[in-house]
């Protein structure tokens, strides 16, 4: 899967993190809204938006990104 990284600051959108941003708490979101074939995932932000509906490949890729971020922060404090 082709992973594209995006950094959005002060997005002020409708999302789970918005309440934190409104009180100036920094947030980070790891998400995937496309499947392995590049099609939009239909259950994004629905009742089917659960860990078991996320592909193993996506979970593995996001886990690797989180670990890389943790290692980066750990080595750059």
C-alpha atoms as a PDB file:
ATOM      1  CA  UNK A   1       0.000   0.000   0.000  1.00  0.00           C
ATOM      2  CA  UNK A   2       1.238   3.478  -0.843  1.00  0.00           C
ATOM      3  CA  UNK A   3       1.307   5.561   2.329  1.00  0.00           C
ATOM      4  CA  UNK A   4       1.122   9.300   2.061  1.00  0.00           C
ATOM      5  CA  UNK A   5       1.918  11.421   5.082  1.00  0.00           C
ATOM      6  CA  UNK A   6       0.055  14.632   5.661  1.00  0.00           C
ATOM      7  CA  UNK A   7       0.580  17.204   8.353  1.00  0.00           C
ATOM      8  CA  UNK A   8      -2.337  19.483   8.952  1.00  0.00           C
ATOM      9  CA  UNK A   9      -2.071  22.203  11.564  1.00  0.00           C
ATOM     10  CA  UNK A  10      -5.086  23.914  13.072  1.00  0.00           C
ATOM     11  CA  UNK A  11      -7.487  22.075  10.805  1.00  0.00           C
ATOM     12  CA  UNK A  12     -10.549  23.101  12.820  1.00  0.00           C
ATOM     13  CA  UNK A  13     -12.515  20.367  11.144  1.00  0.00           C
ATOM     14  CA  UNK A  14     -15.143  18.045  12.526  1.00  0.00           C
ATOM     15  CA  UNK A  15     -13.207  15.174  14.044  1.00  0.00           C
ATOM     16  CA  UNK A  16     -12.538  13.361  17.297  1.00  0.00           C
ATOM     17  CA  UNK A  17      -9.632  15.644  18.139  1.00  0.00           C
ATOM     18  CA  UNK A  18     -11.351  18.996  17.607  1.00  0.00           C
ATOM     19  CA  UNK A  19     -12.169  19.548  21.300  1.00  0.00           C
ATOM     20  CA  UNK A  20      -8.488  19.218  22.169  1.00  0.00           C
ATOM     21  CA  UNK A  21      -7.444  21.658  19.446  1.00  0.00           C
ATOM     22  CA  UNK A  22     -10.026  24.188  20.613  1.00  0.00           C
ATOM     23  CA  UNK A  23      -8.222  24.402  23.960  1.00  0.00           C
ATOM     24  CA  UNK A  24      -4.757  24.454  22.353  1.00  0.00           C
ATOM     25  CA  UNK A  25      -3.772  20.863  23.062  1.00  0.00           C
ATOM     26  CA  UNK A  26      -1.751  19.443  20.185  1.00  0.00           C
ATOM     27  CA  UNK A  27      -3.141  16.347  18.528  1.00  0.00           C
ATOM     28  CA  UNK A  28      -2.060  13.753  16.029  1.00  0.00           C
ATOM     29  CA  UNK A  29      -4.311  11.463  14.043  1.00  0.00           C
ATOM     30  CA  UNK A  30      -3.356   8.287  12.235  1.00  0.00           C
ATOM     31  CA  UNK A  31      -6.015   7.327   9.765  1.00  0.00           C
ATOM     32  CA  UNK A  32      -6.661   5.574   6.519  1.00  0.00           C
ATOM     33  CA  UNK A  33      -9.774   6.322   4.488  1.00  0.00           C
ATOM     34  CA  UNK A  34      -8.814   4.305   1.404  1.00  0.00           C
ATOM     35  CA  UNK A  35      -8.490   0.554   0.995  1.00  0.00           C
ATOM     36  CA  UNK A  36      -5.556  -1.273  -0.628  1.00  0.00           C
ATOM     37  CA  UNK A  37      -7.084  -0.606  -4.059  1.00  0.00           C
ATOM     38  CA  UNK A  38      -7.387   3.156  -3.483  1.00  0.00           C
ATOM     39  CA  UNK A  39     -11.157   3.094  -3.021  1.00  0.00           C
ATOM     40  CA  UNK A  40     -12.798   5.063  -0.216  1.00  0.00           C
ATOM     41  CA  UNK A  41     -13.612   2.983   2.826  1.00  0.00           C
ATOM     42  CA  UNK A  42     -17.390   3.103   3.123  1.00  0.00           C
ATOM     43  CA  UNK A  43     -17.538   2.558   6.888  1.00  0.00           C
ATOM     44  CA  UNK A  44     -15.314   5.507   7.840  1.00  0.00           C
ATOM     45  CA  UNK A  45     -17.083   7.377  10.683  1.00  0.00           C
ATOM     46  CA  UNK A  46     -20.002   4.947  10.759  1.00  0.00           C
ATOM     47  CA  UNK A  47     -21.009   2.268  13.262  1.00  0.00           C
ATOM     48  CA  UNK A  48     -18.801  -0.134  11.255  1.00  0.00           C
ATOM     49  CA  UNK A  49     -15.709   2.024  11.872  1.00  0.00           C
ATOM     50  CA  UNK A  50     -14.079  -0.465  14.262  1.00  0.00           C
ATOM     51  CA  UNK A  51     -10.672  -2.079  14.692  1.00  0.00           C
ATOM     52  CA  UNK A  52     -11.916  -5.365  13.219  1.00  0.00           C
ATOM     53  CA  UNK A  53     -12.953  -3.654   9.966  1.00  0.00           C
ATOM     54  CA  UNK A  54      -9.468  -2.211   9.403  1.00  0.00           C
ATOM     55  CA  UNK A  55      -7.281  -4.433   7.241  1.00  0.00           C
ATOM     56  CA  UNK A  56      -4.259  -6.114   8.802  1.00  0.00           C
ATOM     57  CA  UNK A  57      -2.028  -4.321   6.292  1.00  0.00           C
ATOM     58  CA  UNK A  58      -3.361  -0.935   7.343  1.00  0.00           C
ATOM     59  CA  UNK A  59      -3.001  -1.787  11.036  1.00  0.00           C
ATOM     60  CA  UNK A  60       0.568  -2.939  10.442  1.00  0.00           C
ATOM     61  CA  UNK A  61       1.454   0.222   8.481  1.00  0.00           C
ATOM     62  CA  UNK A  62      -0.076   2.573  11.040  1.00  0.00           C
ATOM     63  CA  UNK A  63       1.622   0.675  13.876  1.00  0.00           C
ATOM     64  CA  UNK A  64       4.971   1.130  12.110  1.00  0.00           C
ATOM     65  CA  UNK A  65       4.329   4.877  11.720  1.00  0.00           C
ATOM     66  CA  UNK A  66       3.469   5.195  15.420  1.00  0.00           C
ATOM     67  CA  UNK A  67       6.606   3.292  16.423  1.00  0.00           C
ATOM     68  CA  UNK A  68       8.739   5.480  14.142  1.00  0.00           C
ATOM     69  CA  UNK A  69       7.216   8.588  15.711  1.00  0.00           C
ATOM     70  CA  UNK A  70       7.863   7.290  19.241  1.00  0.00           C
ATOM     71  CA  UNK A  71      11.476   6.484  18.338  1.00  0.00           C
ATOM     72  CA  UNK A  72      11.925   9.919  16.732  1.00  0.00           C
ATOM     73  CA  UNK A  73      10.554  11.700  19.808  1.00  0.00           C
ATOM     74  CA  UNK A  74      12.671   9.533  22.105  1.00  0.00           C
ATOM     75  CA  UNK A  75      15.874  10.372  20.226  1.00  0.00           C
ATOM     76  CA  UNK A  76      15.141  14.080  19.771  1.00  0.00           C
ATOM     77  CA  UNK A  77      14.172  15.242  23.234  1.00  0.00           C
END
